[in-house]
């Protein structure tokens, strides 16, 4: 197969057309993002999990998984409650599963030392 060379002029024209197409396609997205919030229902704000300080300096809280039908809730809210902590805080969360099925807990941004004690 013969090698086809592209001239500098052709490469620059193709690059300019590509850049122009990207800019033209991005303008509606940019306008939409600058237009501000769209009217509609507000997203639910998660409840904050109440924590109590123990005598040992550890914060204690309880999460209870419940549900009806296809609805899963933690402490009565969906999404589950927000756990507010500061770096270095130690916390112990008791997780109780009141569902008829197995459940698990997934924490974001926390290193956990799990000790599961099934009841």
PDB file of N, CA and C in Angstrom:
ATOM      1  N   UNK A   1       0.847  -1.178   0.000  1.00  0.00           N
ATOM      2  CA  UNK A   1       0.000   0.000   0.000  1.00  0.00           C
ATOM      3  C   UNK A   1       0.888   1.235   0.000  1.00  0.00           C
ATOM      4  N   UNK A   2       0.570   2.173  -0.836  1.00  0.00           N
ATOM      5  CA  UNK A   2       1.369   3.391  -0.973  1.00  0.00           C
ATOM      6  C   UNK A   2       1.107   4.312   0.208  1.00  0.00           C
ATOM      7  N   UNK A   3       2.211   4.891   0.701  1.00  0.00           N
ATOM      8  CA  UNK A   3       2.083   5.815   1.819  1.00  0.00           C
ATOM      9  C   UNK A   3       1.587   7.156   1.295  1.00  0.00           C
ATOM     10  N   UNK A   4       0.559   7.690   1.961  1.00  0.00           N
ATOM     11  CA  UNK A   4      -0.022   8.950   1.515  1.00  0.00           C
ATOM     12  C   UNK A   4       0.437  10.052   2.453  1.00  0.00           C
ATOM     13  N   UNK A   5       1.048  11.072   1.923  1.00  0.00           N
ATOM     14  CA  UNK A   5       1.539  12.177   2.734  1.00  0.00           C
ATOM     15  C   UNK A   5       0.485  13.268   2.809  1.00  0.00           C
ATOM     16  N   UNK A   6       0.366  13.858   4.000  1.00  0.00           N
ATOM     17  CA  UNK A   6      -0.577  14.953   4.211  1.00  0.00           C
ATOM     18  C   UNK A   6       0.233  16.241   4.283  1.00  0.00           C
ATOM     19  N   UNK A   7      -0.188  17.214   3.509  1.00  0.00           N
ATOM     20  CA  UNK A   7       0.548  18.483   3.509  1.00  0.00           C
ATOM     21  C   UNK A   7       0.262  19.245   4.802  1.00  0.00           C
ATOM     22  N   UNK A   8       1.155  20.129   5.119  1.00  0.00           N
ATOM     23  CA  UNK A   8       0.985  20.949   6.318  1.00  0.00           C
ATOM     24  C   UNK A   8      -0.303  21.756   6.236  1.00  0.00           C
ATOM     25  N   UNK A   9      -0.590  22.293   5.065  1.00  0.00           N
ATOM     26  CA  UNK A   9      -1.807  23.094   4.868  1.00  0.00           C
ATOM     27  C   UNK A   9      -3.061  22.257   5.153  1.00  0.00           C
ATOM     28  N   UNK A  10      -3.097  21.028   4.635  1.00  0.00           N
ATOM     29  CA  UNK A  10      -4.257  20.149   4.853  1.00  0.00           C
ATOM     30  C   UNK A  10      -4.417  19.816   6.338  1.00  0.00           C
ATOM     31  N   UNK A  11      -3.289  19.544   7.017  1.00  0.00           N
ATOM     32  CA  UNK A  11      -3.346  19.229   8.448  1.00  0.00           C
ATOM     33  C   UNK A  11      -3.868  20.419   9.248  1.00  0.00           C
ATOM     34  N   UNK A  12      -3.403  21.636   8.928  1.00  0.00           N
ATOM     35  CA  UNK A  12      -3.867  22.830   9.639  1.00  0.00           C
ATOM     36  C   UNK A  12      -5.350  23.093   9.391  1.00  0.00           C
ATOM     37  N   UNK A  13      -5.794  22.919   8.166  1.00  0.00           N
ATOM     38  CA  UNK A  13      -7.216  23.122   7.848  1.00  0.00           C
ATOM     39  C   UNK A  13      -8.069  22.104   8.593  1.00  0.00           C
ATOM     40  N   UNK A  14      -7.646  20.837   8.589  1.00  0.00           N
ATOM     41  CA  UNK A  14      -8.413  19.791   9.289  1.00  0.00           C
ATOM     42  C   UNK A  14      -8.452  20.063  10.789  1.00  0.00           C
ATOM     43  N   UNK A  15      -7.319  20.492  11.351  1.00  0.00           N
ATOM     44  CA  UNK A  15      -7.279  20.815  12.781  1.00  0.00           C
ATOM     45  C   UNK A  15      -8.171  21.991  13.120  1.00  0.00           C
ATOM     46  N   UNK A  16      -8.160  23.019  12.272  1.00  0.00           N
ATOM     47  CA  UNK A  16      -9.008  24.188  12.501  1.00  0.00           C
ATOM     48  C   UNK A  16     -10.483  23.849  12.417  1.00  0.00           C
ATOM     49  N   UNK A  17     -10.855  23.023  11.445  1.00  0.00           N
ATOM     50  CA  UNK A  17     -12.252  22.612  11.321  1.00  0.00           C
ATOM     51  C   UNK A  17     -12.691  21.774  12.518  1.00  0.00           C
ATOM     52  N   UNK A  18     -11.803  20.897  12.979  1.00  0.00           N
ATOM     53  CA  UNK A  18     -12.126  20.074  14.158  1.00  0.00           C
ATOM     54  C   UNK A  18     -12.309  20.949  15.388  1.00  0.00           C
ATOM     55  N   UNK A  19     -11.390  21.893  15.605  1.00  0.00           N
ATOM     56  CA  UNK A  19     -11.505  22.793  16.753  1.00  0.00           C
ATOM     57  C   UNK A  19     -12.782  23.624  16.667  1.00  0.00           C
ATOM     58  N   UNK A  20     -13.106  24.115  15.473  1.00  0.00           N
ATOM     59  CA  UNK A  20     -14.331  24.897  15.300  1.00  0.00           C
ATOM     60  C   UNK A  20     -15.577  24.085  15.604  1.00  0.00           C
ATOM     61  N   UNK A  21     -15.577  22.837  15.171  1.00  0.00           N
ATOM     62  CA  UNK A  21     -16.730  21.975  15.446  1.00  0.00           C
ATOM     63  C   UNK A  21     -16.875  21.711  16.935  1.00  0.00           C
ATOM     64  N   UNK A  22     -15.742  21.498  17.625  1.00  0.00           N
ATOM     65  CA  UNK A  22     -15.798  21.272  19.074  1.00  0.00           C
ATOM     66  C   UNK A  22     -16.315  22.502  19.800  1.00  0.00           C
ATOM     67  N   UNK A  23     -15.853  23.676  19.407  1.00  0.00           N
ATOM     68  CA  UNK A  23     -16.317  24.913  20.043  1.00  0.00           C
ATOM     69  C   UNK A  23     -17.805  25.123  19.775  1.00  0.00           C
ATOM     70  N   UNK A  24     -18.214  24.926  18.534  1.00  0.00           N
ATOM     71  CA  UNK A  24     -19.630  25.122  18.185  1.00  0.00           C
ATOM     72  C   UNK A  24     -20.520  24.149  18.946  1.00  0.00           C
ATOM     73  N   UNK A  25     -20.060  22.924  19.106  1.00  0.00           N
ATOM     74  CA  UNK A  25     -20.855  21.939  19.849  1.00  0.00           C
ATOM     75  C   UNK A  25     -20.857  22.205  21.335  1.00  0.00           C
ATOM     76  N   UNK A  26     -19.802  22.850  21.846  1.00  0.00           N
ATOM     77  CA  UNK A  26     -19.705  23.116  23.273  1.00  0.00           C
ATOM     78  C   UNK A  26     -20.438  24.358  23.721  1.00  0.00           C
ATOM     79  N   UNK A  27     -20.752  25.271  22.792  1.00  0.00           N
ATOM     80  CA  UNK A  27     -21.423  26.519  23.155  1.00  0.00           C
ATOM     81  C   UNK A  27     -22.776  26.277  23.832  1.00  0.00           C
ATOM     82  N   UNK A  28     -23.644  25.407  23.286  1.00  0.00           N
ATOM     83  CA  UNK A  28     -24.916  25.173  23.987  1.00  0.00           C
ATOM     84  C   UNK A  28     -24.710  24.616  25.397  1.00  0.00           C
ATOM     85  N   UNK A  29     -23.716  23.749  25.579  1.00  0.00           N
ATOM     86  CA  UNK A  29     -23.450  23.217  26.914  1.00  0.00           C
ATOM     87  C   UNK A  29     -22.962  24.306  27.852  1.00  0.00           C
ATOM     88  N   UNK A  30     -22.111  25.185  27.354  1.00  0.00           N
ATOM     89  CA  UNK A  30     -21.609  26.282  28.162  1.00  0.00           C
ATOM     90  C   UNK A  30     -22.731  27.232  28.549  1.00  0.00           C
ATOM     91  N   UNK A  31     -23.604  27.558  27.598  1.00  0.00           N
ATOM     92  CA  UNK A  31     -24.748  28.427  27.894  1.00  0.00           C
ATOM     93  C   UNK A  31     -25.639  27.808  28.960  1.00  0.00           C
ATOM     94  N   UNK A  32     -25.885  26.504  28.856  1.00  0.00           N
ATOM     95  CA  UNK A  32     -26.748  25.829  29.826  1.00  0.00           C
ATOM     96  C   UNK A  32     -26.125  25.849  31.213  1.00  0.00           C
ATOM     97  N   UNK A  33     -24.810  25.683  31.298  1.00  0.00           N
ATOM     98  CA  UNK A  33     -24.170  25.675  32.613  1.00  0.00           C
ATOM     99  C   UNK A  33     -24.121  27.065  33.228  1.00  0.00           C
ATOM    100  N   UNK A  34     -24.065  28.112  32.411  1.00  0.00           N
ATOM    101  CA  UNK A  34     -24.031  29.479  32.921  1.00  0.00           C
ATOM    102  C   UNK A  34     -25.415  30.028  33.219  1.00  0.00           C
ATOM    103  N   UNK A  35     -26.457  29.345  32.754  1.00  0.00           N
ATOM    104  CA  UNK A  35     -27.822  29.840  32.926  1.00  0.00           C
ATOM    105  C   UNK A  35     -28.290  29.767  34.369  1.00  0.00           C
ATOM    106  N   UNK A  36     -27.619  28.990  35.197  1.00  0.00           N
ATOM    107  CA  UNK A  36     -28.022  28.882  36.593  1.00  0.00           C
ATOM    108  C   UNK A  36     -28.886  27.662  36.824  1.00  0.00           C
ATOM    109  N   UNK A  37     -29.414  27.565  38.036  1.00  0.00           N
ATOM    110  CA  UNK A  37     -30.195  26.382  38.386  1.00  0.00           C
ATOM    111  C   UNK A  37     -31.501  26.297  37.601  1.00  0.00           C
ATOM    112  N   UNK A  38     -31.923  25.105  37.355  1.00  0.00           N
ATOM    113  CA  UNK A  38     -33.175  24.844  36.652  1.00  0.00           C
ATOM    114  C   UNK A  38     -34.274  24.684  37.692  1.00  0.00           C
ATOM    115  N   UNK A  39     -35.420  25.289  37.424  1.00  0.00           N
ATOM    116  CA  UNK A  39     -36.539  25.124  38.353  1.00  0.00           C
ATOM    117  C   UNK A  39     -36.991  23.677  38.354  1.00  0.00           C
ATOM    118  N   UNK A  40     -37.279  23.179  39.501  1.00  0.00           N
ATOM    119  CA  UNK A  40     -37.727  21.803  39.641  1.00  0.00           C
ATOM    120  C   UNK A  40     -37.704  21.427  41.110  1.00  0.00           C
ATOM    121  N   UNK A  41     -38.063  20.195  41.391  1.00  0.00           N
ATOM    122  CA  UNK A  41     -38.087  19.787  42.786  1.00  0.00           C
ATOM    123  C   UNK A  41     -36.670  19.762  43.367  1.00  0.00           C
ATOM    124  N   UNK A  42     -36.548  20.209  44.594  1.00  0.00           N
ATOM    125  CA  UNK A  42     -35.257  20.212  45.268  1.00  0.00           C
ATOM    126  C   UNK A  42     -34.863  18.781  45.612  1.00  0.00           C
ATOM    127  N   UNK A  43     -33.586  18.514  45.526  1.00  0.00           N
ATOM    128  CA  UNK A  43     -33.108  17.191  45.922  1.00  0.00           C
ATOM    129  C   UNK A  43     -33.195  17.055  47.430  1.00  0.00           C
ATOM    130  N   UNK A  44     -33.510  15.862  47.921  1.00  0.00           N
ATOM    131  CA  UNK A  44     -33.614  15.695  49.374  1.00  0.00           C
ATOM    132  C   UNK A  44     -32.246  15.839  50.034  1.00  0.00           C
ATOM    133  N   UNK A  45     -32.226  16.539  51.140  1.00  0.00           N
ATOM    134  CA  UNK A  45     -30.998  16.673  51.918  1.00  0.00           C
ATOM    135  C   UNK A  45     -30.959  15.544  52.933  1.00  0.00           C
ATOM    136  N   UNK A  46     -29.852  14.809  52.996  1.00  0.00           N
ATOM    137  CA  UNK A  46     -29.806  13.696  53.943  1.00  0.00           C
ATOM    138  C   UNK A  46     -29.818  14.202  55.379  1.00  0.00           C
ATOM    139  N   UNK A  47     -30.457  13.443  56.241  1.00  0.00           N
ATOM    140  CA  UNK A  47     -30.459  13.757  57.662  1.00  0.00           C
ATOM    141  C   UNK A  47     -29.046  13.532  58.200  1.00  0.00           C
ATOM    142  N   UNK A  48     -28.704  14.192  59.282  1.00  0.00           N
ATOM    143  CA  UNK A  48     -27.405  13.987  59.920  1.00  0.00           C
ATOM    144  C   UNK A  48     -27.569  13.002  61.062  1.00  0.00           C
ATOM    145  N   UNK A  49     -26.699  12.006  61.097  1.00  0.00           N
ATOM    146  CA  UNK A  49     -26.759  10.985  62.140  1.00  0.00           C
ATOM    147  C   UNK A  49     -26.321  11.592  63.465  1.00  0.00           C
ATOM    148  N   UNK A  50     -27.171  11.518  64.485  1.00  0.00           N
ATOM    149  CA  UNK A  50     -26.755  12.039  65.792  1.00  0.00           C
ATOM    150  C   UNK A  50     -25.691  11.129  66.406  1.00  0.00           C
ATOM    151  N   UNK A  51     -24.629  11.733  66.881  1.00  0.00           N
ATOM    152  CA  UNK A  51     -23.548  10.997  67.537  1.00  0.00           C
ATOM    153  C   UNK A  51     -23.425  11.495  68.970  1.00  0.00           C
ATOM    154  N   UNK A  52     -23.166  10.588  69.887  1.00  0.00           N
ATOM    155  CA  UNK A  52     -22.966  10.977  71.283  1.00  0.00           C
ATOM    156  C   UNK A  52     -21.557  10.582  71.704  1.00  0.00           C
ATOM    157  N   UNK A  53     -20.914  11.423  72.482  1.00  0.00           N
ATOM    158  CA  UNK A  53     -19.558  11.152  72.932  1.00  0.00           C
ATOM    159  C   UNK A  53     -19.586  10.224  74.125  1.00  0.00           C
ATOM    160  N   UNK A  54     -18.836   9.141  74.027  1.00  0.00           N
ATOM    161  CA  UNK A  54     -18.729   8.201  75.137  1.00  0.00           C
ATOM    162  C   UNK A  54     -17.633   8.628  76.102  1.00  0.00           C
ATOM    163  N   UNK A  55     -17.600   7.984  77.261  1.00  0.00           N
ATOM    164  CA  UNK A  55     -16.586   8.292  78.267  1.00  0.00           C
ATOM    165  C   UNK A  55     -15.189   7.975  77.745  1.00  0.00           C
ATOM    166  N   UNK A  56     -15.108   7.070  76.765  1.00  0.00           N
ATOM    167  CA  UNK A  56     -13.813   6.676  76.205  1.00  0.00           C
ATOM    168  C   UNK A  56     -13.334   7.621  75.097  1.00  0.00           C
ATOM    169  N   UNK A  57     -14.090   8.701  74.816  1.00  0.00           N
ATOM    170  CA  UNK A  57     -13.713   9.650  73.778  1.00  0.00           C
ATOM    171  C   UNK A  57     -14.137   9.237  72.388  1.00  0.00           C
ATOM    172  N   UNK A  58     -14.808   8.094  72.273  1.00  0.00           N
ATOM    173  CA  UNK A  58     -15.274   7.601  70.982  1.00  0.00           C
ATOM    174  C   UNK A  58     -16.695   8.102  70.745  1.00  0.00           C
ATOM    175  N   UNK A  59     -16.977   8.545  69.519  1.00  0.00           N
ATOM    176  CA  UNK A  59     -18.325   8.962  69.155  1.00  0.00           C
ATOM    177  C   UNK A  59     -19.148   7.723  68.812  1.00  0.00           C
ATOM    178  N   UNK A  60     -20.373   7.658  69.325  1.00  0.00           N
ATOM    179  CA  UNK A  60     -21.230   6.492  69.112  1.00  0.00           C
ATOM    180  C   UNK A  60     -22.488   6.897  68.351  1.00  0.00           C
ATOM    181  N   UNK A  61     -22.887   6.028  67.410  1.00  0.00           N
ATOM    182  CA  UNK A  61     -24.108   6.250  66.652  1.00  0.00           C
ATOM    183  C   UNK A  61     -24.722   4.925  66.257  1.00  0.00           C
ATOM    184  N   UNK A  62     -25.982   4.966  65.864  1.00  0.00           N
ATOM    185  CA  UNK A  62     -26.689   3.743  65.479  1.00  0.00           C
ATOM    186  C   UNK A  62     -27.353   3.927  64.121  1.00  0.00           C
ATOM    187  N   UNK A  63     -27.145   2.957  63.250  1.00  0.00           N
ATOM    188  CA  UNK A  63     -27.799   2.915  61.947  1.00  0.00           C
ATOM    189  C   UNK A  63     -28.727   1.711  61.920  1.00  0.00           C
ATOM    190  N   UNK A  64     -29.964   1.945  61.498  1.00  0.00           N
ATOM    191  CA  UNK A  64     -30.942   0.860  61.425  1.00  0.00           C
ATOM    192  C   UNK A  64     -31.453   0.778  59.996  1.00  0.00           C
ATOM    193  N   UNK A  65     -31.283  -0.394  59.376  1.00  0.00           N
ATOM    194  CA  UNK A  65     -31.774  -0.614  58.013  1.00  0.00           C
ATOM    195  C   UNK A  65     -33.206  -1.127  58.082  1.00  0.00           C
ATOM    196  N   UNK A  66     -34.106  -0.421  57.402  1.00  0.00           N
ATOM    197  CA  UNK A  66     -35.515  -0.825  57.333  1.00  0.00           C
ATOM    198  C   UNK A  66     -35.970  -0.713  55.893  1.00  0.00           C
ATOM    199  N   UNK A  67     -37.113  -1.228  55.602  1.00  0.00           N
ATOM    200  CA  UNK A  67     -37.629  -1.089  54.251  1.00  0.00           C
ATOM    201  C   UNK A  67     -38.990  -1.708  54.089  1.00  0.00           C
ATOM    202  N   UNK A  68     -39.680  -1.237  53.061  1.00  0.00           N
ATOM    203  CA  UNK A  68     -40.960  -1.818  52.670  1.00  0.00           C
ATOM    204  C   UNK A  68     -40.953  -1.930  51.157  1.00  0.00           C
ATOM    205  N   UNK A  69     -41.322  -3.065  50.645  1.00  0.00           N
ATOM    206  CA  UNK A  69     -41.319  -3.250  49.195  1.00  0.00           C
ATOM    207  C   UNK A  69     -39.911  -3.123  48.644  1.00  0.00           C
ATOM    208  N   UNK A  70     -39.737  -2.230  47.679  1.00  0.00           N
ATOM    209  CA  UNK A  70     -38.424  -2.011  47.077  1.00  0.00           C
ATOM    210  C   UNK A  70     -37.681  -0.835  47.702  1.00  0.00           C
ATOM    211  N   UNK A  71     -38.176  -0.313  48.801  1.00  0.00           N
ATOM    212  CA  UNK A  71     -37.594   0.872  49.412  1.00  0.00           C
ATOM    213  C   UNK A  71     -36.680   0.481  50.571  1.00  0.00           C
ATOM    214  N   UNK A  72     -35.436   0.914  50.508  1.00  0.00           N
ATOM    215  CA  UNK A  72     -34.474   0.682  51.574  1.00  0.00           C
ATOM    216  C   UNK A  72     -34.192   2.010  52.260  1.00  0.00           C
ATOM    217  N   UNK A  73     -34.250   2.003  53.569  1.00  0.00           N
ATOM    218  CA  UNK A  73     -34.014   3.229  54.333  1.00  0.00           C
ATOM    219  C   UNK A  73     -33.072   2.946  55.489  1.00  0.00           C
ATOM    220  N   UNK A  74     -32.275   3.945  55.824  1.00  0.00           N
ATOM    221  CA  UNK A  74     -31.424   3.887  57.006  1.00  0.00           C
ATOM    222  C   UNK A  74     -31.905   4.964  57.967  1.00  0.00           C
ATOM    223  N   UNK A  75     -32.269   4.560  59.161  1.00  0.00           N
ATOM    224  CA  UNK A  75     -32.818   5.464  60.175  1.00  0.00           C
ATOM    225  C   UNK A  75     -34.003   6.261  59.626  1.00  0.00           C
ATOM    226  N   UNK A  76     -34.781   5.608  58.766  1.00  0.00           N
ATOM    227  CA  UNK A  76     -35.996   6.211  58.242  1.00  0.00           C
ATOM    228  C   UNK A  76     -35.808   7.156  57.075  1.00  0.00           C
ATOM    229  N   UNK A  77     -34.580   7.321  56.571  1.00  0.00           N
ATOM    230  CA  UNK A  77     -34.383   8.261  55.466  1.00  0.00           C
ATOM    231  C   UNK A  77     -33.684   7.592  54.292  1.00  0.00           C
ATOM    232  N   UNK A  78     -33.982   8.101  53.110  1.00  0.00           N
ATOM    233  CA  UNK A  78     -33.301   7.663  51.892  1.00  0.00           C
ATOM    234  C   UNK A  78     -32.951   8.927  51.127  1.00  0.00           C
ATOM    235  N   UNK A  79     -31.735   9.241  50.851  1.00  0.00           N
ATOM    236  CA  UNK A  79     -30.560   8.445  51.189  1.00  0.00           C
ATOM    237  C   UNK A  79     -30.332   8.394  52.691  1.00  0.00           C
ATOM    238  N   UNK A  80     -29.471   7.503  53.109  1.00  0.00           N
ATOM    239  CA  UNK A  80     -29.182   7.338  54.532  1.00  0.00           C
ATOM    240  C   UNK A  80     -28.587   8.594  55.142  1.00  0.00           C
ATOM    241  N   UNK A  81     -28.480   8.616  56.462  1.00  0.00           N
ATOM    242  CA  UNK A  81     -28.013   9.824  57.142  1.00  0.00           C
ATOM    243  C   UNK A  81     -26.540  10.112  56.864  1.00  0.00           C
ATOM    244  N   UNK A  82     -26.194  11.381  56.974  1.00  0.00           N
ATOM    245  CA  UNK A  82     -24.836  11.856  56.806  1.00  0.00           C
ATOM    246  C   UNK A  82     -24.119  11.722  58.140  1.00  0.00           C
ATOM    247  N   UNK A  83     -22.939  11.144  58.134  1.00  0.00           N
ATOM    248  CA  UNK A  83     -22.131  11.013  59.350  1.00  0.00           C
ATOM    249  C   UNK A  83     -21.041  12.073  59.272  1.00  0.00           C
ATOM    250  N   UNK A  84     -21.147  13.109  60.098  1.00  0.00           N
ATOM    251  CA  UNK A  84     -20.176  14.205  60.069  1.00  0.00           C
ATOM    252  C   UNK A  84     -19.078  13.938  61.091  1.00  0.00           C
ATOM    253  N   UNK A  85     -17.850  13.867  60.576  1.00  0.00           N
ATOM    254  CA  UNK A  85     -16.695  13.615  61.428  1.00  0.00           C
ATOM    255  C   UNK A  85     -15.574  14.559  61.052  1.00  0.00           C
ATOM    256  N   UNK A  86     -14.642  14.756  61.968  1.00  0.00           N
ATOM    257  CA  UNK A  86     -13.427  15.508  61.680  1.00  0.00           C
ATOM    258  C   UNK A  86     -12.271  14.522  61.614  1.00  0.00           C
ATOM    259  N   UNK A  87     -11.234  14.895  60.912  1.00  0.00           N
ATOM    260  CA  UNK A  87     -10.067  14.024  60.817  1.00  0.00           C
ATOM    261  C   UNK A  87      -9.563  13.704  62.215  1.00  0.00           C
ATOM    262  N   UNK A  88      -9.344  12.438  62.445  1.00  0.00           N
ATOM    263  CA  UNK A  88      -8.854  11.988  63.748  1.00  0.00           C
ATOM    264  C   UNK A  88      -9.949  11.530  64.691  1.00  0.00           C
ATOM    265  N   UNK A  89     -11.214  11.841  64.402  1.00  0.00           N
ATOM    266  CA  UNK A  89     -12.313  11.369  65.253  1.00  0.00           C
ATOM    267  C   UNK A  89     -12.378   9.851  65.209  1.00  0.00           C
ATOM    268  N   UNK A  90     -12.690   9.278  66.329  1.00  0.00           N
ATOM    269  CA  UNK A  90     -12.932   7.838  66.387  1.00  0.00           C
ATOM    270  C   UNK A  90     -14.430   7.664  66.589  1.00  0.00           C
ATOM    271  N   UNK A  91     -15.005   6.744  65.843  1.00  0.00           N
ATOM    272  CA  UNK A  91     -16.455   6.554  65.885  1.00  0.00           C
ATOM    273  C   UNK A  91     -16.773   5.073  65.921  1.00  0.00           C
ATOM    274  N   UNK A  92     -17.824   4.752  66.615  1.00  0.00           N
ATOM    275  CA  UNK A  92     -18.327   3.377  66.631  1.00  0.00           C
ATOM    276  C   UNK A  92     -19.788   3.438  66.200  1.00  0.00           C
ATOM    277  N   UNK A  93     -20.071   2.799  65.057  1.00  0.00           N
ATOM    278  CA  UNK A  93     -21.434   2.763  64.535  1.00  0.00           C
ATOM    279  C   UNK A  93     -22.008   1.372  64.755  1.00  0.00           C
ATOM    280  N   UNK A  94     -23.115   1.325  65.415  1.00  0.00           N
ATOM    281  CA  UNK A  94     -23.850   0.070  65.577  1.00  0.00           C
ATOM    282  C   UNK A  94     -24.811  -0.016  64.403  1.00  0.00           C
ATOM    283  N   UNK A  95     -24.722  -1.085  63.652  1.00  0.00           N
ATOM    284  CA  UNK A  95     -25.578  -1.284  62.483  1.00  0.00           C
ATOM    285  C   UNK A  95     -26.547  -2.415  62.780  1.00  0.00           C
ATOM    286  N   UNK A  96     -27.833  -2.080  62.737  1.00  0.00           N
ATOM    287  CA  UNK A  96     -28.868  -3.094  62.988  1.00  0.00           C
ATOM    288  C   UNK A  96     -29.687  -3.275  61.722  1.00  0.00           C
ATOM    289  N   UNK A  97     -29.808  -4.516  61.315  1.00  0.00           N
ATOM    290  CA  UNK A  97     -30.554  -4.842  60.109  1.00  0.00           C
ATOM    291  C   UNK A  97     -31.944  -5.345  60.494  1.00  0.00           C
ATOM    292  N   UNK A  98     -32.957  -4.530  60.276  1.00  0.00           N
ATOM    293  CA  UNK A  98     -34.345  -4.936  60.547  1.00  0.00           C
ATOM    294  C   UNK A  98     -35.043  -5.434  59.287  1.00  0.00           C
ATOM    295  N   UNK A  99     -34.286  -5.726  58.241  1.00  0.00           N
ATOM    296  CA  UNK A  99     -34.852  -6.252  57.002  1.00  0.00           C
ATOM    297  C   UNK A  99     -34.973  -7.771  57.084  1.00  0.00           C
ATOM    298  N   UNK A 100     -35.755  -8.341  56.184  1.00  0.00           N
ATOM    299  CA  UNK A 100     -35.875  -9.791  56.096  1.00  0.00           C
ATOM    300  C   UNK A 100     -34.771 -10.392  55.225  1.00  0.00           C
ATOM    301  N   UNK A 101     -33.823  -9.571  54.797  1.00  0.00           N
ATOM    302  CA  UNK A 101     -32.737 -10.017  53.918  1.00  0.00           C
ATOM    303  C   UNK A 101     -31.414  -9.489  54.446  1.00  0.00           C
ATOM    304  N   UNK A 102     -30.332 -10.089  53.961  1.00  0.00           N
ATOM    305  CA  UNK A 102     -29.013  -9.608  54.336  1.00  0.00           C
ATOM    306  C   UNK A 102     -28.810  -8.188  53.821  1.00  0.00           C
ATOM    307  N   UNK A 103     -28.001  -7.431  54.513  1.00  0.00           N
ATOM    308  CA  UNK A 103     -27.714  -6.066  54.117  1.00  0.00           C
ATOM    309  C   UNK A 103     -26.253  -5.776  54.442  1.00  0.00           C
ATOM    310  N   UNK A 104     -25.721  -4.744  53.824  1.00  0.00           N
ATOM    311  CA  UNK A 104     -24.344  -4.358  54.108  1.00  0.00           C
ATOM    312  C   UNK A 104     -24.265  -2.841  54.214  1.00  0.00           C
ATOM    313  N   UNK A 105     -23.172  -2.394  54.737  1.00  0.00           N
ATOM    314  CA  UNK A 105     -22.953  -0.971  54.947  1.00  0.00           C
ATOM    315  C   UNK A 105     -21.687  -0.581  54.205  1.00  0.00           C
ATOM    316  N   UNK A 106     -21.738   0.495  53.442  1.00  0.00           N
ATOM    317  CA  UNK A 106     -20.586   0.956  52.674  1.00  0.00           C
ATOM    318  C   UNK A 106     -20.271   2.390  53.087  1.00  0.00           C
ATOM    319  N   UNK A 107     -19.074   2.605  53.592  1.00  0.00           N
ATOM    320  CA  UNK A 107     -18.665   3.935  54.030  1.00  0.00           C
ATOM    321  C   UNK A 107     -17.707   4.542  53.017  1.00  0.00           C
ATOM    322  N   UNK A 108     -17.882   5.810  52.725  1.00  0.00           N
ATOM    323  CA  UNK A 108     -16.997   6.520  51.803  1.00  0.00           C
ATOM    324  C   UNK A 108     -16.012   7.358  52.610  1.00  0.00           C
ATOM    325  N   UNK A 109     -14.746   7.249  52.289  1.00  0.00           N
ATOM    326  CA  UNK A 109     -13.739   8.105  52.902  1.00  0.00           C
ATOM    327  C   UNK A 109     -13.365   7.748  54.319  1.00  0.00           C
ATOM    328  N   UNK A 110     -13.750   6.573  54.781  1.00  0.00           N
ATOM    329  CA  UNK A 110     -13.408   6.159  56.148  1.00  0.00           C
ATOM    330  C   UNK A 110     -12.648   4.848  56.116  1.00  0.00           C
ATOM    331  N   UNK A 111     -11.610   4.792  56.903  1.00  0.00           N
ATOM    332  CA  UNK A 111     -10.915   3.529  57.092  1.00  0.00           C
ATOM    333  C   UNK A 111     -11.640   2.835  58.236  1.00  0.00           C
ATOM    334  N   UNK A 112     -12.049   1.607  58.026  1.00  0.00           N
ATOM    335  CA  UNK A 112     -12.814   0.932  59.067  1.00  0.00           C
ATOM    336  C   UNK A 112     -12.065  -0.289  59.571  1.00  0.00           C
ATOM    337  N   UNK A 113     -12.190  -0.502  60.854  1.00  0.00           N
ATOM    338  CA  UNK A 113     -11.680  -1.704  61.498  1.00  0.00           C
ATOM    339  C   UNK A 113     -12.920  -2.487  61.895  1.00  0.00           C
ATOM    340  N   UNK A 114     -13.328  -3.390  61.026  1.00  0.00           N
ATOM    341  CA  UNK A 114     -14.604  -4.071  61.225  1.00  0.00           C
ATOM    342  C   UNK A 114     -14.508  -5.167  62.287  1.00  0.00           C
ATOM    343  N   UNK A 115     -15.466  -5.139  63.133  1.00  0.00           N
ATOM    344  CA  UNK A 115     -15.668  -6.243  64.074  1.00  0.00           C
ATOM    345  C   UNK A 115     -17.158  -6.539  64.023  1.00  0.00           C
ATOM    346  N   UNK A 116     -17.528  -7.560  63.271  1.00  0.00           N
ATOM    347  CA  UNK A 116     -18.930  -7.898  63.121  1.00  0.00           C
ATOM    348  C   UNK A 116     -19.323  -8.848  64.237  1.00  0.00           C
ATOM    349  N   UNK A 117     -20.399  -8.510  64.898  1.00  0.00           N
ATOM    350  CA  UNK A 117     -20.933  -9.408  65.914  1.00  0.00           C
ATOM    351  C   UNK A 117     -22.386  -9.666  65.558  1.00  0.00           C
ATOM    352  N   UNK A 118     -22.646 -10.707  64.754  1.00  0.00           N
ATOM    353  CA  UNK A 118     -24.031 -11.004  64.372  1.00  0.00           C
ATOM    354  C   UNK A 118     -24.876 -11.335  65.593  1.00  0.00           C
ATOM    355  N   UNK A 119     -26.116 -10.908  65.523  1.00  0.00           N
ATOM    356  CA  UNK A 119     -27.030 -11.193  66.643  1.00  0.00           C
ATOM    357  C   UNK A 119     -28.127 -12.092  66.171  1.00  0.00           C
TER     358      UNK A 119
END
